[in-house]
Amino acid sequence: MKIHFKRSFFIRLAVIVIVLAIAVTMFFIGKEHTVLIDNQSRNGHKALDYFEFSVDGSPMLDMAPMMRELVNVTGQKHQVKLQYENEDGKMMAVAFEITIPLMQDMVLLSVPTFMADMSQSQSVWLEPYEVAPSAPTEADNTVILDDMASFSSL
């Protein structure tokens, strides 16, 4: 038995492949991530007194010690720009690129750790961040002991 493929079969197959390719591309391009820019002392590195930062050309945001800012970004690769004052009082600028793992929703960028040694691997100063689950409240733990309680008002 010989199978004959018609031209319409190949057109349909090509359309399905194109739609799947577009879907995969949109998944990679459109994935949203949350980046926490952290200026807290950690790993023995002191927090910066003051700096400004920008992610992907957004307006510059100010940061003071013990602050943490949240930035929502789309895609995996992002340009980060830092402007800070060095020990001599001169304004310095540092620009670098971060790559966020695909399935990671939230990452923490530790600026003091990055500034301590800029040649370090990204895994040292950019780490996955998981939000701690909140403790259950009393309203969440309400237990109805009487199955017929809802019929008592009838």
Protein backbone atom coordinates (compact mmCIF):
# COMPACT_ATOMS: atom_id res chain seq x y z
CA MET A 1 0.00 0.00 0.00
CA LYS A 2 1.47 3.29 -1.06
CA ILE A 3 0.63 6.48 0.82
CA HIS A 4 0.13 9.59 -1.28
CA PHE A 5 0.53 12.98 0.36
CA LYS A 6 -1.34 15.83 -1.21
CA ARG A 7 -0.14 19.39 -1.34
CA SER A 8 -2.74 20.47 1.25
CA PHE A 9 -1.21 18.02 3.76
CA PHE A 10 2.18 19.72 3.50
CA ILE A 11 0.61 23.17 3.79
CA ARG A 12 -1.24 22.14 6.96
CA LEU A 13 1.92 20.58 8.37
CA ALA A 14 3.92 23.75 7.63
CA VAL A 15 1.26 25.92 9.33
CA ILE A 16 1.34 23.71 12.44
CA VAL A 17 5.15 23.88 12.61
CA ILE A 18 5.10 27.68 12.19
CA VAL A 19 2.46 28.10 14.93
CA LEU A 20 4.48 25.90 17.31
CA ALA A 21 7.68 27.83 16.55
CA ILE A 22 5.91 31.13 17.25
CA ALA A 23 4.50 29.75 20.52
CA VAL A 24 7.93 28.63 21.75
CA THR A 25 9.49 31.97 20.75
CA MET A 26 6.75 33.93 22.53
CA PHE A 27 7.27 31.84 25.67
CA PHE A 28 10.97 32.72 25.79
CA ILE A 29 10.47 36.39 24.90
CA GLY A 30 7.38 37.05 27.01
CA LYS A 31 8.35 35.33 30.27
CA GLU A 32 8.18 37.89 33.07
CA HIS A 33 10.65 37.85 35.95
CA THR A 34 10.96 39.87 39.14
CA VAL A 35 14.38 41.24 40.04
CA LEU A 36 14.99 42.40 43.61
CA ILE A 37 17.81 44.96 43.77
CA ASP A 38 19.24 44.55 47.26
CA ASN A 39 21.45 47.01 49.17
CA GLN A 40 21.76 45.15 52.45
CA SER A 41 25.01 44.06 54.08
CA ARG A 42 25.55 40.38 53.34
CA ASN A 43 28.37 37.86 53.04
CA GLY A 44 30.67 40.27 54.91
CA HIS A 45 30.16 43.06 52.37
CA LYS A 46 28.94 46.43 53.65
CA ALA A 47 25.93 48.06 52.00
CA LEU A 48 26.65 51.06 49.76
CA ASP A 49 25.83 54.47 51.27
CA TYR A 50 23.95 55.63 48.19
CA PHE A 51 23.63 54.66 44.55
CA GLU A 52 21.24 54.89 41.63
CA PHE A 53 20.33 52.06 39.31
CA SER A 54 18.49 51.46 36.09
CA VAL A 55 17.34 48.21 34.47
CA ASP A 56 16.98 48.07 30.67
CA GLY A 57 17.09 51.86 30.29
CA SER A 58 14.29 52.60 32.77
CA PRO A 59 14.49 55.82 34.84
CA MET A 60 17.18 55.80 37.53
CA LEU A 61 16.00 54.82 41.02
CA ASP A 62 17.72 55.84 44.27
CA MET A 63 18.91 53.30 46.82
CA ALA A 64 20.09 53.81 50.38
CA PRO A 65 21.45 51.22 52.84
CA MET A 66 19.02 48.50 53.95
CA MET A 67 16.74 49.07 50.95
CA ARG A 68 15.39 46.55 48.49
CA GLU A 69 13.64 47.56 45.25
CA LEU A 70 11.49 45.35 43.05
CA VAL A 71 11.70 45.59 39.25
CA ASN A 72 9.55 43.53 36.85
CA VAL A 73 11.28 42.63 33.59
CA THR A 74 10.38 40.61 30.51
CA GLY A 75 12.85 38.25 28.90
CA GLN A 76 16.03 36.62 30.15
CA LYS A 77 18.85 39.09 29.40
CA HIS A 78 18.87 42.56 30.95
CA GLN A 79 21.21 45.53 31.13
CA VAL A 80 21.76 46.97 34.62
CA LYS A 81 23.43 50.34 35.15
CA LEU A 82 24.71 51.50 38.55
CA GLN A 83 25.90 55.01 39.43
CA TYR A 84 27.64 55.45 42.74
CA GLU A 85 30.05 57.77 44.51
CA ASN A 86 33.50 56.31 45.18
CA GLU A 87 35.78 57.10 48.15
CA ASP A 88 37.18 60.19 46.36
CA GLY A 89 33.70 61.66 45.89
CA LYS A 90 33.62 61.06 42.13
CA MET A 91 30.51 59.64 40.47
CA MET A 92 31.29 56.28 38.89
CA ALA A 93 29.11 54.25 36.52
CA VAL A 94 29.07 50.50 36.04
CA ALA A 95 27.01 48.71 33.40
CA PHE A 96 26.63 44.94 33.23
CA GLU A 97 24.31 42.29 31.86
CA ILE A 98 22.37 39.73 33.86
CA THR A 99 20.84 36.53 32.55
CA ILE A 100 17.89 35.18 34.51
CA PRO A 101 17.27 31.41 34.39
CA LEU A 102 14.18 30.66 32.30
CA MET A 103 11.97 29.03 34.92
CA GLN A 104 13.05 31.30 37.80
CA ASP A 105 10.30 33.78 38.66
CA MET A 106 12.20 35.91 41.17
CA VAL A 107 15.91 36.66 41.65
CA LEU A 108 17.85 38.78 44.14
CA LEU A 109 20.72 40.94 42.88
CA SER A 110 23.02 41.77 45.81
CA VAL A 111 24.72 45.06 44.92
CA PRO A 112 27.25 45.01 47.84
CA THR A 113 28.39 41.51 46.82
CA PHE A 114 28.67 42.57 43.17
CA MET A 115 30.61 45.75 44.01
CA ALA A 116 33.05 43.87 46.26
CA ASP A 117 34.41 41.93 43.28
CA MET A 118 32.88 42.64 39.88
CA SER A 119 34.77 39.78 38.25
CA GLN A 120 32.88 37.17 40.27
CA SER A 121 30.54 34.73 38.60
CA GLN A 122 26.93 35.86 38.28
CA SER A 123 25.85 33.00 40.57
CA VAL A 124 27.60 34.73 43.50
CA TRP A 125 25.65 38.01 43.41
CA LEU A 126 22.47 36.95 41.54
CA GLU A 127 20.61 34.24 43.41
CA PRO A 128 17.15 32.68 43.21
CA TYR A 129 14.66 34.17 45.64
CA GLU A 130 11.62 32.36 47.02
CA VAL A 131 8.89 34.20 48.89
CA ALA A 132 8.29 32.62 52.28
CA PRO A 133 4.73 31.32 52.62
CA SER A 134 2.62 33.18 55.14
CA ALA A 135 1.41 31.44 58.27
CA PRO A 136 -2.20 30.25 58.11
CA THR A 137 -4.67 32.54 59.84
CA GLU A 138 -7.49 31.50 62.16
CA ALA A 139 -10.03 32.11 59.37
CA ASP A 140 -8.19 29.62 57.15
CA ASN A 141 -8.46 26.93 59.82
CA THR A 142 -12.21 27.16 60.45
CA VAL A 143 -13.66 23.65 60.73
CA ILE A 144 -17.40 22.97 60.55
CA LEU A 145 -18.18 20.01 62.76
CA ASP A 146 -21.90 19.74 61.95
CA ASP A 147 -22.65 18.78 58.33
CA MET A 148 -26.26 19.92 58.73
CA ALA A 149 -25.36 23.36 60.16
CA SER A 150 -26.20 25.13 56.91
CA PHE A 151 -29.77 23.76 57.01
CA SER A 152 -30.53 25.07 60.52
CA SER A 153 -31.59 28.48 59.19
CA LEU A 154 -34.34 26.96 56.99
